């Protein structure tokens, strides 16, 4: 009999007013290997919350906004922005980073989606 771990902060996809789930759609655009790596890191955060670096980091200057940090295949890096809402981790926005610094437009979009939920 396997011991099932309880998720401390189960993940849920942010849904737009038109019914789309941007992070789910973004994930489906990634390769199977990269999807597996991102999913593993999200699951680790769900089970171990609160969890810090190197897996999760709060976004400076954006209260309540966090990122799951994933090293992908071919040296790429992904970020999934999320917030804790009630007892859930809401996945707001996902990107594959092309530069060292996260573009402000991506943080802005994640923050906008977070504020829409409140």
PDB file of N, CA and C in Angstrom:
ATOM      1  N   UNK A   1       0.843  -1.176   0.000  1.00  0.00           N
ATOM      2  CA  UNK A   1       0.000   0.000   0.000  1.00  0.00           C
ATOM      3  C   UNK A   1       0.889   1.240   0.000  1.00  0.00           C
ATOM      4  N   UNK A   2       0.672   2.130  -0.952  1.00  0.00           N
ATOM      5  CA  UNK A   2       1.501   3.334  -1.030  1.00  0.00           C
ATOM      6  C   UNK A   2       0.903   4.429  -0.156  1.00  0.00           C
ATOM      7  N   UNK A   3       1.791   5.191   0.410  1.00  0.00           N
ATOM      8  CA  UNK A   3       1.354   6.315   1.237  1.00  0.00           C
ATOM      9  C   UNK A   3       1.114   7.513   0.329  1.00  0.00           C
ATOM     10  N   UNK A   4      -0.093   8.008   0.323  1.00  0.00           N
ATOM     11  CA  UNK A   4      -0.437   9.138  -0.535  1.00  0.00           C
ATOM     12  C   UNK A   4      -0.191  10.436   0.214  1.00  0.00           C
ATOM     13  N   UNK A   5       0.555  11.332  -0.410  1.00  0.00           N
ATOM     14  CA  UNK A   5       0.851  12.616   0.230  1.00  0.00           C
ATOM     15  C   UNK A   5      -0.275  13.594  -0.035  1.00  0.00           C
ATOM     16  N   UNK A   6      -0.575  14.389   0.951  1.00  0.00           N
ATOM     17  CA  UNK A   6      -1.625  15.391   0.847  1.00  0.00           C
ATOM     18  C   UNK A   6      -1.030  16.683   0.284  1.00  0.00           C
ATOM     19  N   UNK A   7      -1.697  17.240  -0.711  1.00  0.00           N
ATOM     20  CA  UNK A   7      -1.260  18.522  -1.269  1.00  0.00           C
ATOM     21  C   UNK A   7      -1.632  19.623  -0.287  1.00  0.00           C
ATOM     22  N   UNK A   8      -0.638  20.385   0.112  1.00  0.00           N
ATOM     23  CA  UNK A   8      -0.883  21.493   1.042  1.00  0.00           C
ATOM     24  C   UNK A   8      -1.506  22.686   0.332  1.00  0.00           C
ATOM     25  N   UNK A   9      -1.183  22.840  -0.950  1.00  0.00           N
ATOM     26  CA  UNK A   9      -1.696  23.962  -1.740  1.00  0.00           C
ATOM     27  C   UNK A   9      -1.974  23.447  -3.153  1.00  0.00           C
ATOM     28  N   UNK A  10      -3.132  22.778  -3.363  1.00  0.00           N
ATOM     29  CA  UNK A  10      -3.421  22.201  -4.684  1.00  0.00           C
ATOM     30  C   UNK A  10      -3.504  23.267  -5.772  1.00  0.00           C
ATOM     31  N   UNK A  11      -2.956  22.944  -6.928  1.00  0.00           N
ATOM     32  CA  UNK A  11      -2.933  23.888  -8.044  1.00  0.00           C
ATOM     33  C   UNK A  11      -4.264  23.887  -8.795  1.00  0.00           C
ATOM     34  N   UNK A  12      -4.612  25.062  -9.289  1.00  0.00           N
ATOM     35  CA  UNK A  12      -5.780  25.242 -10.152  1.00  0.00           C
ATOM     36  C   UNK A  12      -5.384  26.228 -11.241  1.00  0.00           C
ATOM     37  N   UNK A  13      -5.952  26.072 -12.417  1.00  0.00           N
ATOM     38  CA  UNK A  13      -5.654  26.981 -13.515  1.00  0.00           C
ATOM     39  C   UNK A  13      -6.524  28.228 -13.407  1.00  0.00           C
ATOM     40  N   UNK A  14      -5.914  29.374 -13.638  1.00  0.00           N
ATOM     41  CA  UNK A  14      -6.658  30.627 -13.764  1.00  0.00           C
ATOM     42  C   UNK A  14      -7.519  30.513 -15.011  1.00  0.00           C
ATOM     43  N   UNK A  15      -8.770  30.930 -14.908  1.00  0.00           N
ATOM     44  CA  UNK A  15      -9.665  30.918 -16.061  1.00  0.00           C
ATOM     45  C   UNK A  15     -10.083  32.333 -16.425  1.00  0.00           C
ATOM     46  N   UNK A  16     -10.061  32.631 -17.715  1.00  0.00           N
ATOM     47  CA  UNK A  16     -10.481  33.959 -18.176  1.00  0.00           C
ATOM     48  C   UNK A  16     -12.003  34.041 -18.196  1.00  0.00           C
ATOM     49  N   UNK A  17     -12.514  35.239 -18.421  1.00  0.00           N
ATOM     50  CA  UNK A  17     -13.967  35.431 -18.496  1.00  0.00           C
ATOM     51  C   UNK A  17     -14.568  34.709 -19.702  1.00  0.00           C
ATOM     52  N   UNK A  18     -13.733  34.388 -20.695  1.00  0.00           N
ATOM     53  CA  UNK A  18     -14.231  33.672 -21.871  1.00  0.00           C
ATOM     54  C   UNK A  18     -14.092  32.157 -21.729  1.00  0.00           C
ATOM     55  N   UNK A  19     -13.579  31.724 -20.561  1.00  0.00           N
ATOM     56  CA  UNK A  19     -13.490  30.289 -20.298  1.00  0.00           C
ATOM     57  C   UNK A  19     -12.183  29.630 -20.688  1.00  0.00           C
ATOM     58  N   UNK A  20     -11.210  30.390 -21.159  1.00  0.00           N
ATOM     59  CA  UNK A  20      -9.923  29.786 -21.502  1.00  0.00           C
ATOM     60  C   UNK A  20      -9.042  29.688 -20.255  1.00  0.00           C
ATOM     61  N   UNK A  21      -8.103  28.772 -20.309  1.00  0.00           N
ATOM     62  CA  UNK A  21      -7.133  28.598 -19.224  1.00  0.00           C
ATOM     63  C   UNK A  21      -5.740  28.772 -19.826  1.00  0.00           C
ATOM     64  N   UNK A  22      -5.211  30.003 -19.780  1.00  0.00           N
ATOM     65  CA  UNK A  22      -3.956  30.313 -20.481  1.00  0.00           C
ATOM     66  C   UNK A  22      -2.762  29.428 -20.101  1.00  0.00           C
ATOM     67  N   UNK A  23      -2.624  29.083 -18.831  1.00  0.00           N
ATOM     68  CA  UNK A  23      -1.461  28.274 -18.441  1.00  0.00           C
ATOM     69  C   UNK A  23      -1.615  26.848 -18.971  1.00  0.00           C
ATOM     70  N   UNK A  24      -2.830  26.304 -18.930  1.00  0.00           N
ATOM     71  CA  UNK A  24      -3.058  24.957 -19.482  1.00  0.00           C
ATOM     72  C   UNK A  24      -2.701  24.956 -20.975  1.00  0.00           C
ATOM     73  N   UNK A  25      -3.154  25.972 -21.705  1.00  0.00           N
ATOM     74  CA  UNK A  25      -2.866  26.061 -23.139  1.00  0.00           C
ATOM     75  C   UNK A  25      -1.375  26.212 -23.395  1.00  0.00           C
ATOM     76  N   UNK A  26      -0.702  27.033 -22.576  1.00  0.00           N
ATOM     77  CA  UNK A  26       0.744  27.220 -22.705  1.00  0.00           C
ATOM     78  C   UNK A  26       1.470  25.900 -22.455  1.00  0.00           C
ATOM     79  N   UNK A  27       1.041  25.176 -21.419  1.00  0.00           N
ATOM     80  CA  UNK A  27       1.682  23.887 -21.115  1.00  0.00           C
ATOM     81  C   UNK A  27       1.549  22.914 -22.282  1.00  0.00           C
ATOM     82  N   UNK A  28       0.382  22.891 -22.900  1.00  0.00           N
ATOM     83  CA  UNK A  28       0.165  21.969 -24.011  1.00  0.00           C
ATOM     84  C   UNK A  28       1.028  22.309 -25.220  1.00  0.00           C
ATOM     85  N   UNK A  29       1.513  23.533 -25.306  1.00  0.00           N
ATOM     86  CA  UNK A  29       2.410  23.941 -26.390  1.00  0.00           C
ATOM     87  C   UNK A  29       3.862  23.518 -26.139  1.00  0.00           C
ATOM     88  N   UNK A  30       4.178  23.106 -24.913  1.00  0.00           N
ATOM     89  CA  UNK A  30       5.548  22.714 -24.585  1.00  0.00           C
ATOM     90  C   UNK A  30       5.772  21.253 -24.985  1.00  0.00           C
ATOM     91  N   UNK A  31       7.038  20.862 -25.107  1.00  0.00           N
ATOM     92  CA  UNK A  31       7.350  19.463 -25.437  1.00  0.00           C
ATOM     93  C   UNK A  31       6.926  18.570 -24.272  1.00  0.00           C
ATOM     94  N   UNK A  32       6.744  17.297 -24.552  1.00  0.00           N
ATOM     95  CA  UNK A  32       6.324  16.348 -23.504  1.00  0.00           C
ATOM     96  C   UNK A  32       7.334  16.339 -22.356  1.00  0.00           C
ATOM     97  N   UNK A  33       8.626  16.369 -22.673  1.00  0.00           N
ATOM     98  CA  UNK A  33       9.650  16.365 -21.624  1.00  0.00           C
ATOM     99  C   UNK A  33       9.558  17.626 -20.759  1.00  0.00           C
ATOM    100  N   UNK A  34       9.396  18.778 -21.415  1.00  0.00           N
ATOM    101  CA  UNK A  34       9.313  20.030 -20.667  1.00  0.00           C
ATOM    102  C   UNK A  34       8.031  20.085 -19.826  1.00  0.00           C
ATOM    103  N   UNK A  35       6.921  19.601 -20.377  1.00  0.00           N
ATOM    104  CA  UNK A  35       5.660  19.537 -19.612  1.00  0.00           C
ATOM    105  C   UNK A  35       5.829  18.706 -18.351  1.00  0.00           C
ATOM    106  N   UNK A  36       6.526  17.580 -18.491  1.00  0.00           N
ATOM    107  CA  UNK A  36       6.750  16.696 -17.346  1.00  0.00           C
ATOM    108  C   UNK A  36       7.590  17.409 -16.285  1.00  0.00           C
ATOM    109  N   UNK A  37       8.644  18.104 -16.697  1.00  0.00           N
ATOM    110  CA  UNK A  37       9.504  18.819 -15.749  1.00  0.00           C
ATOM    111  C   UNK A  37       8.729  19.927 -15.021  1.00  0.00           C
ATOM    112  N   UNK A  38       7.950  20.702 -15.777  1.00  0.00           N
ATOM    113  CA  UNK A  38       7.158  21.785 -15.175  1.00  0.00           C
ATOM    114  C   UNK A  38       6.125  21.196 -14.212  1.00  0.00           C
ATOM    115  N   UNK A  39       5.447  20.148 -14.653  1.00  0.00           N
ATOM    116  CA  UNK A  39       4.440  19.497 -13.805  1.00  0.00           C
ATOM    117  C   UNK A  39       5.030  18.947 -12.518  1.00  0.00           C
ATOM    118  N   UNK A  40       6.222  18.369 -12.619  1.00  0.00           N
ATOM    119  CA  UNK A  40       6.894  17.842 -11.435  1.00  0.00           C
ATOM    120  C   UNK A  40       7.186  18.971 -10.441  1.00  0.00           C
ATOM    121  N   UNK A  41       7.663  20.097 -10.940  1.00  0.00           N
ATOM    122  CA  UNK A  41       7.995  21.216 -10.049  1.00  0.00           C
ATOM    123  C   UNK A  41       6.735  21.821  -9.427  1.00  0.00           C
ATOM    124  N   UNK A  42       5.651  21.912 -10.192  1.00  0.00           N
ATOM    125  CA  UNK A  42       4.390  22.403  -9.629  1.00  0.00           C
ATOM    126  C   UNK A  42       3.909  21.445  -8.540  1.00  0.00           C
ATOM    127  N   UNK A  43       3.991  20.142  -8.802  1.00  0.00           N
ATOM    128  CA  UNK A  43       3.574  19.144  -7.807  1.00  0.00           C
ATOM    129  C   UNK A  43       4.428  19.234  -6.538  1.00  0.00           C
ATOM    130  N   UNK A  44       5.716  19.458  -6.704  1.00  0.00           N
ATOM    131  CA  UNK A  44       6.607  19.606  -5.544  1.00  0.00           C
ATOM    132  C   UNK A  44       6.169  20.803  -4.704  1.00  0.00           C
ATOM    133  N   UNK A  45       5.807  21.906  -5.360  1.00  0.00           N
ATOM    134  CA  UNK A  45       5.334  23.091  -4.637  1.00  0.00           C
ATOM    135  C   UNK A  45       3.994  22.811  -3.957  1.00  0.00           C
ATOM    136  N   UNK A  46       3.102  22.087  -4.630  1.00  0.00           N
ATOM    137  CA  UNK A  46       1.793  21.745  -4.041  1.00  0.00           C
ATOM    138  C   UNK A  46       1.968  20.947  -2.752  1.00  0.00           C
ATOM    139  N   UNK A  47       2.890  20.011  -2.773  1.00  0.00           N
ATOM    140  CA  UNK A  47       3.096  19.110  -1.634  1.00  0.00           C
ATOM    141  C   UNK A  47       3.899  19.747  -0.511  1.00  0.00           C
ATOM    142  N   UNK A  48       4.841  20.624  -0.858  1.00  0.00           N
ATOM    143  CA  UNK A  48       5.769  21.139   0.140  1.00  0.00           C
ATOM    144  C   UNK A  48       5.541  22.567   0.580  1.00  0.00           C
ATOM    145  N   UNK A  49       4.448  23.183   0.112  1.00  0.00           N
ATOM    146  CA  UNK A  49       4.205  24.597   0.398  1.00  0.00           C
ATOM    147  C   UNK A  49       4.166  24.864   1.889  1.00  0.00           C
ATOM    148  N   UNK A  50       4.760  25.933   2.406  1.00  0.00           N
ATOM    149  CA  UNK A  50       5.550  26.925   1.672  1.00  0.00           C
ATOM    150  C   UNK A  50       6.946  26.389   1.372  1.00  0.00           C
ATOM    151  N   UNK A  51       7.422  26.690   0.199  1.00  0.00           N
ATOM    152  CA  UNK A  51       8.718  26.193  -0.254  1.00  0.00           C
ATOM    153  C   UNK A  51       9.479  27.370  -0.873  1.00  0.00           C
ATOM    154  N   UNK A  52      10.761  27.422  -0.642  1.00  0.00           N
ATOM    155  CA  UNK A  52      11.540  28.562  -1.124  1.00  0.00           C
ATOM    156  C   UNK A  52      12.437  28.214  -2.289  1.00  0.00           C
ATOM    157  N   UNK A  53      13.494  28.986  -2.413  1.00  0.00           N
ATOM    158  CA  UNK A  53      14.461  28.804  -3.491  1.00  0.00           C
ATOM    159  C   UNK A  53      15.148  27.445  -3.325  1.00  0.00           C
ATOM    160  N   UNK A  54      15.556  26.820  -4.409  1.00  0.00           N
ATOM    161  CA  UNK A  54      15.552  27.356  -5.765  1.00  0.00           C
ATOM    162  C   UNK A  54      14.236  27.112  -6.528  1.00  0.00           C
ATOM    163  N   UNK A  55      13.262  26.444  -5.919  1.00  0.00           N
ATOM    164  CA  UNK A  55      12.041  26.094  -6.656  1.00  0.00           C
ATOM    165  C   UNK A  55      11.045  27.247  -6.772  1.00  0.00           C
ATOM    166  N   UNK A  56      10.766  27.925  -5.671  1.00  0.00           N
ATOM    167  CA  UNK A  56       9.777  29.007  -5.678  1.00  0.00           C
ATOM    168  C   UNK A  56      10.403  30.289  -5.154  1.00  0.00           C
ATOM    169  N   UNK A  57       9.912  31.397  -5.711  1.00  0.00           N
ATOM    170  CA  UNK A  57      10.402  32.693  -5.272  1.00  0.00           C
ATOM    171  C   UNK A  57       9.273  33.692  -5.377  1.00  0.00           C
ATOM    172  N   UNK A  58       9.195  34.582  -4.394  1.00  0.00           N
ATOM    173  CA  UNK A  58       8.209  35.658  -4.496  1.00  0.00           C
ATOM    174  C   UNK A  58       8.741  36.692  -5.475  1.00  0.00           C
ATOM    175  N   UNK A  59       7.829  37.368  -6.148  1.00  0.00           N
ATOM    176  CA  UNK A  59       8.224  38.376  -7.132  1.00  0.00           C
ATOM    177  C   UNK A  59       8.356  39.715  -6.414  1.00  0.00           C
ATOM    178  N   UNK A  60       9.543  40.272  -6.441  1.00  0.00           N
ATOM    179  CA  UNK A  60       9.830  41.522  -5.739  1.00  0.00           C
ATOM    180  C   UNK A  60       8.905  42.636  -6.223  1.00  0.00           C
ATOM    181  N   UNK A  61       8.332  43.353  -5.272  1.00  0.00           N
ATOM    182  CA  UNK A  61       7.491  44.493  -5.595  1.00  0.00           C
ATOM    183  C   UNK A  61       6.085  44.127  -6.041  1.00  0.00           C
ATOM    184  N   UNK A  62       5.742  42.844  -5.984  1.00  0.00           N
ATOM    185  CA  UNK A  62       4.408  42.391  -6.421  1.00  0.00           C
ATOM    186  C   UNK A  62       3.846  41.470  -5.354  1.00  0.00           C
ATOM    187  N   UNK A  63       3.252  42.081  -4.353  1.00  0.00           N
ATOM    188  CA  UNK A  63       2.768  41.363  -3.179  1.00  0.00           C
ATOM    189  C   UNK A  63       1.809  40.233  -3.568  1.00  0.00           C
ATOM    190  N   UNK A  64       2.114  39.032  -3.086  1.00  0.00           N
ATOM    191  CA  UNK A  64       1.260  37.881  -3.309  1.00  0.00           C
ATOM    192  C   UNK A  64       1.541  37.107  -4.579  1.00  0.00           C
ATOM    193  N   UNK A  65       2.479  37.602  -5.400  1.00  0.00           N
ATOM    194  CA  UNK A  65       2.802  36.931  -6.660  1.00  0.00           C
ATOM    195  C   UNK A  65       4.087  36.116  -6.487  1.00  0.00           C
ATOM    196  N   UNK A  66       4.034  34.866  -6.929  1.00  0.00           N
ATOM    197  CA  UNK A  66       5.157  33.935  -6.807  1.00  0.00           C
ATOM    198  C   UNK A  66       5.451  33.318  -8.163  1.00  0.00           C
ATOM    199  N   UNK A  67       6.608  32.645  -8.250  1.00  0.00           N
ATOM    200  CA  UNK A  67       6.925  31.891  -9.452  1.00  0.00           C
ATOM    201  C   UNK A  67       7.483  30.525  -9.084  1.00  0.00           C
ATOM    202  N   UNK A  68       7.116  29.526  -9.885  1.00  0.00           N
ATOM    203  CA  UNK A  68       7.749  28.204  -9.841  1.00  0.00           C
ATOM    204  C   UNK A  68       8.815  28.252 -10.922  1.00  0.00           C
ATOM    205  N   UNK A  69      10.029  27.875 -10.550  1.00  0.00           N
ATOM    206  CA  UNK A  69      11.184  27.980 -11.443  1.00  0.00           C
ATOM    207  C   UNK A  69      11.591  26.583 -11.901  1.00  0.00           C
ATOM    208  N   UNK A  70      11.607  26.375 -13.216  1.00  0.00           N
ATOM    209  CA  UNK A  70      11.910  25.053 -13.763  1.00  0.00           C
ATOM    210  C   UNK A  70      13.027  25.144 -14.791  1.00  0.00           C
ATOM    211  N   UNK A  71      14.020  24.268 -14.646  1.00  0.00           N
ATOM    212  CA  UNK A  71      15.067  24.133 -15.658  1.00  0.00           C
ATOM    213  C   UNK A  71      14.577  23.106 -16.678  1.00  0.00           C
ATOM    214  N   UNK A  72      14.483  23.542 -17.933  1.00  0.00           N
ATOM    215  CA  UNK A  72      13.962  22.693 -18.995  1.00  0.00           C
ATOM    216  C   UNK A  72      15.085  22.034 -19.772  1.00  0.00           C
ATOM    217  N   UNK A  73      14.701  21.294 -20.802  1.00  0.00           N
ATOM    218  CA  UNK A  73      15.677  20.661 -21.680  1.00  0.00           C
ATOM    219  C   UNK A  73      16.384  21.752 -22.498  1.00  0.00           C
ATOM    220  N   UNK A  74      17.507  21.431 -23.048  1.00  0.00           N
ATOM    221  CA  UNK A  74      18.268  22.346 -23.919  1.00  0.00           C
ATOM    222  C   UNK A  74      18.663  23.653 -23.235  1.00  0.00           C
ATOM    223  N   UNK A  75      18.803  23.655 -21.903  1.00  0.00           N
ATOM    224  CA  UNK A  75      19.265  24.841 -21.182  1.00  0.00           C
ATOM    225  C   UNK A  75      18.236  25.951 -21.044  1.00  0.00           C
ATOM    226  N   UNK A  76      16.997  25.702 -21.418  1.00  0.00           N
ATOM    227  CA  UNK A  76      15.950  26.725 -21.291  1.00  0.00           C
ATOM    228  C   UNK A  76      15.441  26.753 -19.848  1.00  0.00           C
ATOM    229  N   UNK A  77      14.751  27.841 -19.508  1.00  0.00           N
ATOM    230  CA  UNK A  77      14.155  27.955 -18.177  1.00  0.00           C
ATOM    231  C   UNK A  77      12.710  28.411 -18.322  1.00  0.00           C
ATOM    232  N   UNK A  78      11.840  27.816 -17.505  1.00  0.00           N
ATOM    233  CA  UNK A  78      10.424  28.212 -17.511  1.00  0.00           C
ATOM    234  C   UNK A  78      10.077  28.824 -16.171  1.00  0.00           C
ATOM    235  N   UNK A  79       9.090  29.710 -16.220  1.00  0.00           N
ATOM    236  CA  UNK A  79       8.534  30.298 -15.006  1.00  0.00           C
ATOM    237  C   UNK A  79       7.014  30.186 -15.091  1.00  0.00           C
ATOM    238  N   UNK A  80       6.412  29.689 -14.017  1.00  0.00           N
ATOM    239  CA  UNK A  80       4.961  29.681 -13.907  1.00  0.00           C
ATOM    240  C   UNK A  80       4.627  30.595 -12.739  1.00  0.00           C
ATOM    241  N   UNK A  81       3.946  31.690 -13.051  1.00  0.00           N
ATOM    242  CA  UNK A  81       3.551  32.658 -12.025  1.00  0.00           C
ATOM    243  C   UNK A  81       2.273  32.165 -11.360  1.00  0.00           C
ATOM    244  N   UNK A  82       2.206  32.319 -10.037  1.00  0.00           N
ATOM    245  CA  UNK A  82       1.021  31.891  -9.310  1.00  0.00           C
ATOM    246  C   UNK A  82       0.789  32.760  -8.093  1.00  0.00           C
ATOM    247  N   UNK A  83      -0.415  32.641  -7.551  1.00  0.00           N
ATOM    248  CA  UNK A  83      -0.726  33.263  -6.274  1.00  0.00           C
ATOM    249  C   UNK A  83      -1.459  32.226  -5.433  1.00  0.00           C
ATOM    250  N   UNK A  84      -1.438  32.431  -4.126  1.00  0.00           N
ATOM    251  CA  UNK A  84      -2.218  31.583  -3.234  1.00  0.00           C
ATOM    252  C   UNK A  84      -3.553  32.281  -3.028  1.00  0.00           C
ATOM    253  N   UNK A  85      -4.619  31.578  -3.358  1.00  0.00           N
ATOM    254  CA  UNK A  85      -5.952  32.133  -3.206  1.00  0.00           C
ATOM    255  C   UNK A  85      -6.777  31.133  -2.403  1.00  0.00           C
ATOM    256  N   UNK A  86      -7.108  31.519  -1.174  1.00  0.00           N
ATOM    257  CA  UNK A  86      -7.764  30.563  -0.285  1.00  0.00           C
ATOM    258  C   UNK A  86      -6.806  29.419  -0.009  1.00  0.00           C
ATOM    259  N   UNK A  87      -7.230  28.220  -0.303  1.00  0.00           N
ATOM    260  CA  UNK A  87      -6.365  27.058  -0.065  1.00  0.00           C
ATOM    261  C   UNK A  87      -5.842  26.490  -1.383  1.00  0.00           C
ATOM    262  N   UNK A  88      -5.788  27.331  -2.430  1.00  0.00           N
ATOM    263  CA  UNK A  88      -5.319  26.873  -3.738  1.00  0.00           C
ATOM    264  C   UNK A  88      -4.155  27.708  -4.253  1.00  0.00           C
ATOM    265  N   UNK A  89      -3.360  27.064  -5.091  1.00  0.00           N
ATOM    266  CA  UNK A  89      -2.300  27.729  -5.855  1.00  0.00           C
ATOM    267  C   UNK A  89      -2.906  27.974  -7.229  1.00  0.00           C
ATOM    268  N   UNK A  90      -3.112  29.231  -7.599  1.00  0.00           N
ATOM    269  CA  UNK A  90      -3.722  29.537  -8.893  1.00  0.00           C
ATOM    270  C   UNK A  90      -2.618  29.874  -9.884  1.00  0.00           C
ATOM    271  N   UNK A  91      -2.520  29.065 -10.937  1.00  0.00           N
ATOM    272  CA  UNK A  91      -1.494  29.238 -11.961  1.00  0.00           C
ATOM    273  C   UNK A  91      -1.965  30.315 -12.931  1.00  0.00           C
ATOM    274  N   UNK A  92      -1.260  31.455 -12.922  1.00  0.00           N
ATOM    275  CA  UNK A  92      -1.711  32.651 -13.621  1.00  0.00           C
ATOM    276  C   UNK A  92      -1.126  32.838 -15.010  1.00  0.00           C
ATOM    277  N   UNK A  93       0.163  32.511 -15.181  1.00  0.00           N
ATOM    278  CA  UNK A  93       0.856  32.808 -16.441  1.00  0.00           C
ATOM    279  C   UNK A  93       2.113  31.960 -16.513  1.00  0.00           C
ATOM    280  N   UNK A  94       2.459  31.493 -17.700  1.00  0.00           N
ATOM    281  CA  UNK A  94       3.668  30.704 -17.884  1.00  0.00           C
ATOM    282  C   UNK A  94       4.497  31.236 -19.037  1.00  0.00           C
ATOM    283  N   UNK A  95       5.814  31.185 -18.870  1.00  0.00           N
ATOM    284  CA  UNK A  95       6.726  31.644 -19.926  1.00  0.00           C
ATOM    285  C   UNK A  95       7.958  30.745 -19.976  1.00  0.00           C
ATOM    286  N   UNK A  96       8.580  30.714 -21.143  1.00  0.00           N
ATOM    287  CA  UNK A  96       9.937  30.184 -21.273  1.00  0.00           C
ATOM    288  C   UNK A  96      10.811  31.416 -21.408  1.00  0.00           C
ATOM    289  N   UNK A  97      11.740  31.576 -20.482  1.00  0.00           N
ATOM    290  CA  UNK A  97      12.562  32.793 -20.454  1.00  0.00           C
ATOM    291  C   UNK A  97      13.599  32.780 -21.566  1.00  0.00           C
ATOM    292  N   UNK A  98      13.756  33.948 -22.173  1.00  0.00           N
ATOM    293  CA  UNK A  98      14.749  34.114 -23.227  1.00  0.00           C
ATOM    294  C   UNK A  98      15.906  34.991 -22.764  1.00  0.00           C
ATOM    295  N   UNK A  99      15.710  35.694 -21.649  1.00  0.00           N
ATOM    296  CA  UNK A  99      16.751  36.549 -21.081  1.00  0.00           C
ATOM    297  C   UNK A  99      16.848  36.254 -19.581  1.00  0.00           C
ATOM    298  N   UNK A 100      17.906  36.767 -18.970  1.00  0.00           N
ATOM    299  CA  UNK A 100      18.117  36.564 -17.536  1.00  0.00           C
ATOM    300  C   UNK A 100      16.988  37.204 -16.727  1.00  0.00           C
ATOM    301  N   UNK A 101      16.593  38.397 -17.127  1.00  0.00           N
ATOM    302  CA  UNK A 101      15.569  39.147 -16.395  1.00  0.00           C
ATOM    303  C   UNK A 101      14.186  38.802 -16.947  1.00  0.00           C
ATOM    304  N   UNK A 102      13.237  38.598 -16.048  1.00  0.00           N
ATOM    305  CA  UNK A 102      11.863  38.334 -16.476  1.00  0.00           C
ATOM    306  C   UNK A 102      11.266  39.621 -17.041  1.00  0.00           C
ATOM    307  N   UNK A 103      10.734  39.569 -18.261  1.00  0.00           N
ATOM    308  CA  UNK A 103      10.135  40.773 -18.840  1.00  0.00           C
ATOM    309  C   UNK A 103       8.992  41.312 -17.974  1.00  0.00           C
ATOM    310  N   UNK A 104       8.957  42.631 -17.808  1.00  0.00           N
ATOM    311  CA  UNK A 104       7.923  43.267 -16.981  1.00  0.00           C
ATOM    312  C   UNK A 104       6.529  42.961 -17.498  1.00  0.00           C
ATOM    313  N   UNK A 105       6.361  42.832 -18.827  1.00  0.00           N
ATOM    314  CA  UNK A 105       5.031  42.568 -19.376  1.00  0.00           C
ATOM    315  C   UNK A 105       4.477  41.236 -18.873  1.00  0.00           C
ATOM    316  N   UNK A 106       5.349  40.259 -18.621  1.00  0.00           N
ATOM    317  CA  UNK A 106       4.890  38.970 -18.115  1.00  0.00           C
ATOM    318  C   UNK A 106       4.487  39.065 -16.644  1.00  0.00           C
ATOM    319  N   UNK A 107       5.293  39.763 -15.843  1.00  0.00           N
ATOM    320  CA  UNK A 107       4.934  39.977 -14.439  1.00  0.00           C
ATOM    321  C   UNK A 107       3.660  40.813 -14.335  1.00  0.00           C
ATOM    322  N   UNK A 108       3.537  41.820 -15.223  1.00  0.00           N
ATOM    323  CA  UNK A 108       2.344  42.675 -15.230  1.00  0.00           C
ATOM    324  C   UNK A 108       1.091  41.856 -15.526  1.00  0.00           C
ATOM    325  N   UNK A 109       1.174  40.958 -16.506  1.00  0.00           N
ATOM    326  CA  UNK A 109       0.022  40.145 -16.881  1.00  0.00           C
ATOM    327  C   UNK A 109      -0.383  39.220 -15.735  1.00  0.00           C
ATOM    328  N   UNK A 110       0.602  38.591 -15.102  1.00  0.00           N
ATOM    329  CA  UNK A 110       0.302  37.709 -13.973  1.00  0.00           C
ATOM    330  C   UNK A 110      -0.345  38.493 -12.835  1.00  0.00           C
ATOM    331  N   UNK A 111       0.186  39.689 -12.562  1.00  0.00           N
ATOM    332  CA  UNK A 111      -0.369  40.521 -11.495  1.00  0.00           C
ATOM    333  C   UNK A 111      -1.802  40.971 -11.834  1.00  0.00           C
ATOM    334  N   UNK A 112      -2.043  41.317 -13.092  1.00  0.00           N
ATOM    335  CA  UNK A 112      -3.379  41.721 -13.531  1.00  0.00           C
ATOM    336  C   UNK A 112      -4.370  40.568 -13.311  1.00  0.00           C
ATOM    337  N   UNK A 113      -3.981  39.363 -13.688  1.00  0.00           N
ATOM    338  CA  UNK A 113      -4.855  38.201 -13.506  1.00  0.00           C
ATOM    339  C   UNK A 113      -5.107  37.933 -12.027  1.00  0.00           C
ATOM    340  N   UNK A 114      -4.069  38.098 -11.207  1.00  0.00           N
ATOM    341  CA  UNK A 114      -4.230  37.901  -9.765  1.00  0.00           C
ATOM    342  C   UNK A 114      -5.245  38.885  -9.203  1.00  0.00           C
ATOM    343  N   UNK A 115      -5.157  40.146  -9.610  1.00  0.00           N
ATOM    344  CA  UNK A 115      -6.064  41.183  -9.108  1.00  0.00           C
ATOM    345  C   UNK A 115      -7.500  40.954  -9.584  1.00  0.00           C
ATOM    346  N   UNK A 116      -7.663  40.371 -10.776  1.00  0.00           N
ATOM    347  CA  UNK A 116      -9.003  40.070 -11.281  1.00  0.00           C
ATOM    348  C   UNK A 116      -9.731  39.067 -10.388  1.00  0.00           C
ATOM    349  N   UNK A 117      -8.974  38.223  -9.717  1.00  0.00           N
ATOM    350  CA  UNK A 117      -9.570  37.192  -8.871  1.00  0.00           C
ATOM    351  C   UNK A 117     -10.086  37.733  -7.547  1.00  0.00           C
ATOM    352  N   UNK A 118      -9.625  38.896  -7.138  1.00  0.00           N
ATOM    353  CA  UNK A 118      -9.962  39.415  -5.802  1.00  0.00           C
ATOM    354  C   UNK A 118     -11.196  40.265  -5.820  1.00  0.00           C
TER     355      UNK A 118
END
